[in-house]
Protein backbone atom coordinates (compact mmCIF):
# COMPACT_ATOMS: atom_id res chain seq x y z
CA MET A 1 20.31 -25.65 -24.70
CA SER A 2 23.69 -26.01 -26.43
CA ARG A 3 26.34 -23.38 -25.72
CA ILE A 4 28.51 -22.23 -28.61
CA ALA A 5 31.74 -20.22 -28.44
CA ILE A 6 32.75 -18.01 -31.35
CA ILE A 7 36.34 -16.82 -31.49
CA GLY A 8 36.53 -13.61 -33.49
CA ALA A 9 33.90 -10.88 -33.62
CA GLY A 10 34.47 -9.55 -37.10
CA LEU A 11 31.69 -9.62 -39.68
CA SER A 12 31.91 -13.40 -40.09
CA GLY A 13 31.72 -14.08 -36.36
CA LEU A 14 28.87 -11.63 -35.88
CA ALA A 15 26.88 -13.12 -38.79
CA CYS A 16 27.39 -16.60 -37.35
CA ALA A 17 26.36 -15.46 -33.86
CA ARG A 18 23.18 -13.74 -35.02
CA ALA A 19 22.08 -16.75 -37.07
CA LEU A 20 22.64 -19.07 -34.11
CA ARG A 21 20.92 -16.75 -31.64
CA ASP A 22 17.92 -16.48 -33.94
CA GLU A 23 17.59 -20.27 -33.64
CA GLY A 24 17.66 -20.13 -29.85
CA ARG A 25 21.30 -21.09 -29.26
CA GLU A 26 23.34 -19.60 -26.42
CA VAL A 27 26.34 -17.89 -28.01
CA THR A 28 29.43 -16.24 -26.49
CA LEU A 29 31.87 -14.28 -28.64
CA PHE A 30 35.53 -13.71 -27.76
CA ASP A 31 37.62 -11.06 -29.50
CA LYS A 32 41.01 -9.56 -28.78
CA GLY A 33 39.88 -6.12 -29.94
CA ARG A 34 38.29 -3.50 -27.75
CA ALA A 35 35.03 -3.86 -29.67
CA ALA A 36 33.48 -5.99 -32.38
CA GLY A 37 34.20 -5.34 -36.04
CA GLY A 38 37.62 -6.52 -37.17
CA ARG A 39 38.43 -4.58 -40.33
CA LEU A 40 35.08 -2.78 -40.20
CA ALA A 41 36.94 -0.25 -38.11
CA THR A 42 36.96 3.48 -37.43
CA ARG A 43 39.88 5.31 -35.82
CA ARG A 44 39.33 8.63 -34.05
CA ALA A 45 41.78 11.30 -32.87
CA GLU A 46 42.15 15.04 -32.29
CA ALA A 47 44.70 17.46 -33.74
CA GLY A 48 44.74 21.21 -34.23
CA ARG A 49 41.50 21.46 -32.22
CA ARG A 50 39.78 19.33 -34.81
CA ARG A 51 38.07 15.99 -34.33
CA LEU A 52 39.35 13.46 -36.83
CA GLN A 53 38.22 10.02 -37.95
CA TRP A 54 39.13 7.47 -40.59
CA ASP A 55 37.74 4.15 -41.80
CA HIS A 56 41.20 2.64 -41.83
CA GLY A 57 40.13 -0.94 -42.64
CA ALA A 58 37.33 -1.75 -45.08
CA GLN A 59 36.73 1.32 -47.22
CA TYR A 60 33.25 0.50 -48.48
CA LEU A 61 30.84 -2.42 -48.84
CA THR A 62 28.96 -3.85 -51.81
CA ALA A 63 25.97 -6.19 -51.80
CA ARG A 64 25.38 -8.81 -54.49
CA GLY A 65 22.80 -10.79 -52.52
CA ALA A 66 19.48 -9.77 -51.01
CA ASP A 67 20.40 -10.90 -47.48
CA PHE A 68 23.50 -8.72 -47.26
CA ALA A 69 21.67 -5.80 -48.85
CA ALA A 70 18.98 -6.15 -46.17
CA LEU A 71 21.65 -6.18 -43.48
CA LEU A 72 23.21 -2.97 -44.79
CA ALA A 73 19.79 -1.32 -44.76
CA GLU A 74 19.17 -2.54 -41.20
CA CYS A 75 22.47 -1.01 -40.07
CA GLY A 76 21.80 2.33 -41.74
CA ALA A 77 24.56 2.10 -44.36
CA ALA A 78 24.55 4.96 -46.86
CA PRO A 79 25.65 5.19 -50.52
CA TRP A 80 29.06 6.70 -51.21
CA GLY A 81 31.02 7.27 -54.37
CA GLU A 82 30.39 4.92 -57.27
CA PRO A 83 26.95 3.27 -57.55
CA GLY A 84 26.67 0.18 -55.38
CA ARG A 85 29.15 1.31 -52.72
CA PHE A 86 27.93 1.73 -49.13
CA VAL A 87 29.55 2.89 -45.89
CA GLY A 88 28.58 2.93 -42.24
CA VAL A 89 27.34 6.20 -40.73
CA PRO A 90 28.87 8.06 -38.96
CA GLY A 91 31.73 5.55 -39.32
CA MET A 92 32.30 2.04 -40.57
CA SER A 93 32.40 0.77 -36.98
CA SER A 94 28.70 1.61 -36.61
CA LEU A 95 27.86 -1.50 -38.65
CA PRO A 96 29.42 -4.12 -36.33
CA ARG A 97 28.24 -2.15 -33.31
CA THR A 98 24.66 -2.58 -34.54
CA LEU A 99 25.22 -6.26 -35.32
CA ALA A 100 26.66 -6.92 -31.86
CA THR A 101 23.64 -5.49 -30.05
CA GLY A 102 22.25 -8.08 -27.67
CA LEU A 103 25.14 -10.53 -28.13
CA ASP A 104 27.36 -11.77 -25.30
CA LEU A 105 30.71 -10.31 -26.39
CA ARG A 106 33.88 -10.74 -24.33
CA ALA A 107 36.09 -8.02 -25.82
CA GLY A 108 39.79 -7.62 -25.12
CA ARG A 109 40.29 -11.38 -24.67
CA HIS A 110 42.99 -13.29 -26.56
CA VAL A 111 42.11 -17.00 -26.77
CA VAL A 112 45.31 -19.04 -26.43
CA ALA A 113 44.05 -22.65 -26.28
CA LEU A 114 41.13 -25.03 -26.68
CA GLU A 115 40.93 -27.78 -24.10
CA GLY A 116 38.50 -30.62 -23.46
CA GLY A 117 36.54 -32.15 -26.29
CA PRO A 118 33.26 -32.15 -28.24
CA GLY A 119 30.37 -31.17 -26.04
CA ALA A 120 32.73 -29.91 -23.34
CA TRP A 121 35.17 -27.49 -24.94
CA MET A 122 36.97 -25.07 -22.62
CA LEU A 123 38.50 -21.82 -23.86
CA ARG A 124 41.65 -20.49 -22.22
CA HIS A 125 42.15 -16.76 -22.73
CA LEU A 126 44.33 -13.85 -21.60
CA ASP A 127 43.93 -10.10 -21.38
CA ALA A 128 44.72 -9.07 -24.97
CA ALA A 129 46.69 -6.07 -23.72
CA LEU A 130 49.32 -8.49 -22.36
CA VAL A 131 49.87 -10.32 -25.66
CA ARG A 132 52.41 -8.99 -28.18
CA PRO A 133 52.40 -10.30 -31.77
CA GLY A 134 55.43 -12.45 -32.47
CA GLN A 135 56.43 -12.59 -28.80
CA PRO A 136 56.08 -15.50 -26.33
CA LEU A 137 52.86 -15.54 -24.36
CA PRO A 138 53.07 -13.84 -20.97
CA ALA A 139 53.43 -15.92 -17.83
CA ALA A 140 50.00 -14.84 -16.56
CA GLU A 141 47.57 -17.66 -15.80
CA PRO A 142 44.84 -17.76 -18.49
CA HIS A 143 41.16 -17.54 -17.58
CA SER A 144 38.84 -20.39 -18.54
CA ASP A 145 35.35 -20.31 -20.02
CA GLY A 146 33.07 -23.21 -20.81
CA PRO A 147 32.04 -25.86 -21.25
CA PHE A 148 30.86 -25.26 -24.81
CA ASP A 149 29.16 -27.78 -27.03
CA SER A 150 30.80 -26.38 -30.19
CA VAL A 151 33.44 -23.82 -31.20
CA ALA A 152 33.37 -21.57 -34.26
CA ILE A 153 36.66 -19.87 -35.16
CA THR A 154 36.41 -16.84 -37.45
CA LEU A 155 40.05 -15.74 -37.36
CA PRO A 156 42.52 -15.52 -40.27
CA PRO A 157 43.98 -18.97 -41.02
CA ALA A 158 47.41 -18.14 -39.62
CA GLN A 159 45.86 -17.18 -36.28
CA ALA A 160 43.43 -20.11 -36.24
CA ALA A 161 46.10 -22.70 -37.00
CA SER A 162 47.63 -22.76 -33.53
CA LEU A 163 44.23 -23.16 -31.87
CA ILE A 164 43.19 -26.16 -33.95
CA ALA A 165 46.58 -27.91 -34.16
CA ARG A 166 45.67 -30.41 -31.42
CA PRO A 167 41.87 -30.64 -31.38
CA ALA A 168 41.31 -30.54 -35.17
CA PRO A 169 44.53 -31.20 -37.11
CA GLY A 170 42.52 -32.11 -40.20
CA LEU A 171 41.31 -28.54 -40.52
CA ARG A 172 44.81 -27.14 -40.22
CA GLN A 173 45.90 -29.05 -43.34
CA ARG A 174 43.06 -27.52 -45.32
CA LEU A 175 44.30 -24.00 -44.61
CA GLU A 176 47.62 -24.37 -46.40
CA SER A 177 46.17 -23.36 -49.77
CA VAL A 178 44.80 -20.03 -48.48
CA ALA A 179 46.87 -16.90 -49.18
CA ILE A 180 46.18 -13.52 -47.55
CA ALA A 181 48.26 -10.40 -48.20
CA PRO A 182 48.93 -7.65 -45.64
CA CYS A 183 48.14 -3.96 -45.98
CA TRP A 184 49.79 -0.85 -44.58
CA ALA A 185 47.19 1.91 -44.14
CA VAL A 186 48.12 5.54 -43.55
CA LEU A 187 45.79 7.90 -41.71
CA ALA A 188 46.40 11.48 -42.81
CA ALA A 189 44.66 14.73 -41.83
CA PHE A 190 45.15 18.21 -43.28
CA ALA A 191 43.81 21.67 -42.54
CA GLU A 192 43.35 22.21 -46.28
CA ARG A 193 42.39 19.77 -49.00
CA PRO A 194 45.28 18.31 -51.00
CA ASP A 195 45.04 18.45 -54.77
CA TRP A 196 44.02 14.81 -54.97
CA PRO A 197 40.94 13.07 -56.44
CA GLU A 198 38.23 11.85 -54.07
CA THR A 199 39.39 8.28 -54.67
CA LEU A 200 42.32 6.82 -56.55
CA ARG A 201 43.40 3.26 -57.37
CA PRO A 202 46.74 3.52 -59.22
CA GLU A 203 47.76 0.78 -61.63
CA ALA A 204 51.40 0.87 -60.52
CA GLY A 205 53.58 2.09 -57.67
CA PRO A 206 53.37 1.62 -53.91
CA ILE A 207 49.87 3.11 -53.52
CA GLY A 208 46.99 0.68 -53.80
CA TRP A 209 44.12 2.98 -52.78
CA LEU A 210 43.52 6.59 -51.79
CA ALA A 211 40.25 7.95 -50.40
CA ARG A 212 38.96 11.19 -48.96
CA ASP A 213 37.26 9.88 -45.86
CA SER A 214 35.80 13.33 -45.16
CA SER A 215 33.59 12.97 -48.23
CA LYS A 216 31.67 10.04 -46.75
CA PRO A 217 28.15 10.77 -45.42
CA GLY A 218 27.85 11.75 -41.77
CA ARG A 219 31.52 12.66 -41.36
CA ASP A 220 32.84 15.79 -39.65
CA THR A 221 34.21 18.05 -42.38
CA ALA A 222 36.19 20.34 -40.04
CA ALA A 223 39.37 18.69 -41.30
CA GLU A 224 40.48 16.83 -44.41
CA CYS A 225 40.86 13.16 -43.42
CA TRP A 226 42.36 10.77 -45.96
CA VAL A 227 43.21 7.06 -46.02
CA ILE A 228 46.21 5.93 -48.05
CA GLN A 229 46.58 2.17 -48.46
CA ALA A 230 49.72 0.55 -49.83
CA GLY A 231 49.39 -2.18 -52.42
CA PRO A 232 49.76 -5.80 -51.28
CA ASP A 233 53.21 -6.36 -52.80
CA TRP A 234 54.63 -3.18 -51.26
CA SER A 235 52.99 -3.97 -47.93
CA LEU A 236 54.50 -7.44 -47.90
CA ALA A 237 57.96 -6.17 -48.81
CA HIS A 238 57.82 -3.63 -45.95
CA LEU A 239 55.73 -5.64 -43.50
CA GLU A 240 58.20 -5.43 -40.62
CA ASP A 241 59.39 -1.87 -41.25
CA PRO A 242 58.84 0.54 -38.33
CA ALA A 243 55.41 2.16 -38.54
CA GLU A 244 56.87 5.67 -38.27
CA THR A 245 58.74 5.16 -41.57
CA ILE A 246 55.72 4.00 -43.57
CA ALA A 247 53.51 7.09 -43.58
CA PRO A 248 56.12 9.57 -44.91
CA ARG A 249 57.12 7.19 -47.71
CA LEU A 250 53.58 6.63 -48.92
CA LEU A 251 52.75 10.32 -48.62
CA ALA A 252 55.81 11.11 -50.76
CA ALA A 253 54.47 8.80 -53.48
CA LEU A 254 51.50 11.15 -54.02
CA PRO A 255 51.40 14.69 -55.46
CA PRO A 256 52.56 17.32 -52.91
CA ALA A 257 50.11 18.00 -50.09
CA PRO A 258 49.84 20.67 -47.35
CA PRO A 259 51.65 19.92 -44.07
CA PRO A 260 49.64 17.22 -42.28
CA LEU A 261 47.90 17.84 -38.97
CA LEU A 262 48.35 14.16 -38.19
CA LEU A 263 50.07 11.30 -39.99
CA LYS A 264 50.27 7.73 -38.74
CA ALA A 265 50.34 4.20 -40.11
CA HIS A 266 48.39 1.07 -39.20
CA ARG A 267 49.43 -2.44 -40.22
CA TRP A 268 46.84 -5.04 -41.17
CA ARG A 269 48.70 -8.35 -41.29
CA TYR A 270 45.76 -10.16 -42.86
CA SER A 271 43.88 -7.99 -45.31
CA LEU A 272 43.53 -8.99 -48.97
CA VAL A 273 42.44 -12.54 -49.83
CA ARG A 274 44.56 -13.59 -52.80
CA ALA A 275 43.80 -17.33 -52.84
CA PRO A 276 40.57 -18.31 -51.06
CA LEU A 277 39.73 -21.78 -49.79
CA GLY A 278 36.92 -22.17 -52.30
CA GLU A 279 34.34 -23.47 -49.79
CA PRO A 280 31.78 -21.56 -47.69
CA CYS A 281 33.26 -22.79 -44.40
CA LEU A 282 35.08 -25.69 -42.73
CA TRP A 283 33.28 -27.94 -40.27
CA LEU A 284 34.33 -31.10 -38.44
CA PRO A 285 31.11 -32.58 -37.00
CA ALA A 286 32.95 -35.17 -34.88
CA ALA A 287 35.07 -32.52 -33.18
CA ARG A 288 32.30 -29.89 -33.33
CA ILE A 289 34.80 -27.25 -34.45
CA GLY A 290 34.41 -25.05 -37.52
CA LEU A 291 36.13 -22.17 -39.28
CA ALA A 292 34.73 -19.30 -41.32
CA GLY A 293 35.84 -15.99 -42.79
CA ASP A 294 36.09 -14.04 -46.03
CA TRP A 295 39.16 -16.18 -46.83
CA CYS A 296 36.81 -19.11 -47.43
CA LEU A 297 35.13 -17.48 -50.43
CA ALA A 298 36.52 -14.14 -51.60
CA GLY A 299 38.07 -10.89 -50.46
CA ARG A 300 34.79 -9.07 -49.88
CA ALA A 301 32.87 -8.21 -46.74
CA GLU A 302 29.81 -10.00 -48.09
CA ALA A 303 31.89 -13.17 -48.38
CA ALA A 304 32.64 -12.96 -44.65
CA PHE A 305 28.92 -12.58 -43.95
CA ASP A 306 28.03 -15.54 -46.18
CA SER A 307 30.75 -17.71 -44.66
CA GLY A 308 29.64 -16.96 -41.09
CA ARG A 309 26.06 -17.88 -41.92
CA ALA A 310 27.20 -21.05 -43.66
CA LEU A 311 29.07 -22.13 -40.55
CA ALA A 312 26.00 -21.39 -38.41
CA ALA A 313 23.95 -23.62 -40.71
CA ALA A 314 26.51 -26.41 -40.32
CA LEU A 315 26.41 -26.07 -36.54
CA LEU A 316 22.62 -26.18 -36.50
CA ALA A 317 22.57 -29.26 -38.72
């Protein structure tokens, strides 16, 4: 039985893993996060004796195809807001948690290198808690896993590029046309509801999206939890600003609100697909290495699902 490693356990990696497992393949997922999901994420906290939570990544999901619609139904997604929008219950993270059931997931592992070759790939990985973005890798000796017959990489192109530079340079060249914008997201909680609409997508200014997370089905309504996302241009211009300066500035761009119980910012370096690859996935059969993600097709969660399944089909072929 062939063994397949998948690097990245977001929606694309999970879709790829499930399709391969259903065909009897032995699959191992590696992800630097504490759990599967990527931007299908839910953050929880406490303040003022209230339990708080926010979907601080993907705000909602839409399904254009029958397969993705069936997946949302399987995971218990519920309608929210405008017709056709769905969210996970009781949080967006419930969707990847359901998808990861029964899969061999190595969470908290940062893959730093691919060694070996087709049919005998070895993954070298570190404790993700030791790795700092933009900083040299720690001196700790990486762990090794393998051998794997094939490797599927479902990371953003900028993160995948260093892994494939030696074993699959041809794929790295294909990534140069892809453009992904960052997003600063602010998590805000109030004891009283601000005088804001349930959702807002301004046409101008620093705010790209505002949503009352407390209005989603299955949420705790003891506090008013809101997500404020900056637009891509503003996020890019302030990408390296200290996180503690972001939340007050975006809050000030909205109508006055009550004093917040909690206010913090989260930076997504790779969020909005502006220029996709234009292909379902990338696959080098000679090297037995492939790449997938929403960036292959479009900036939608369903595109990540479709891309992951397309890569699984390529692997199986």
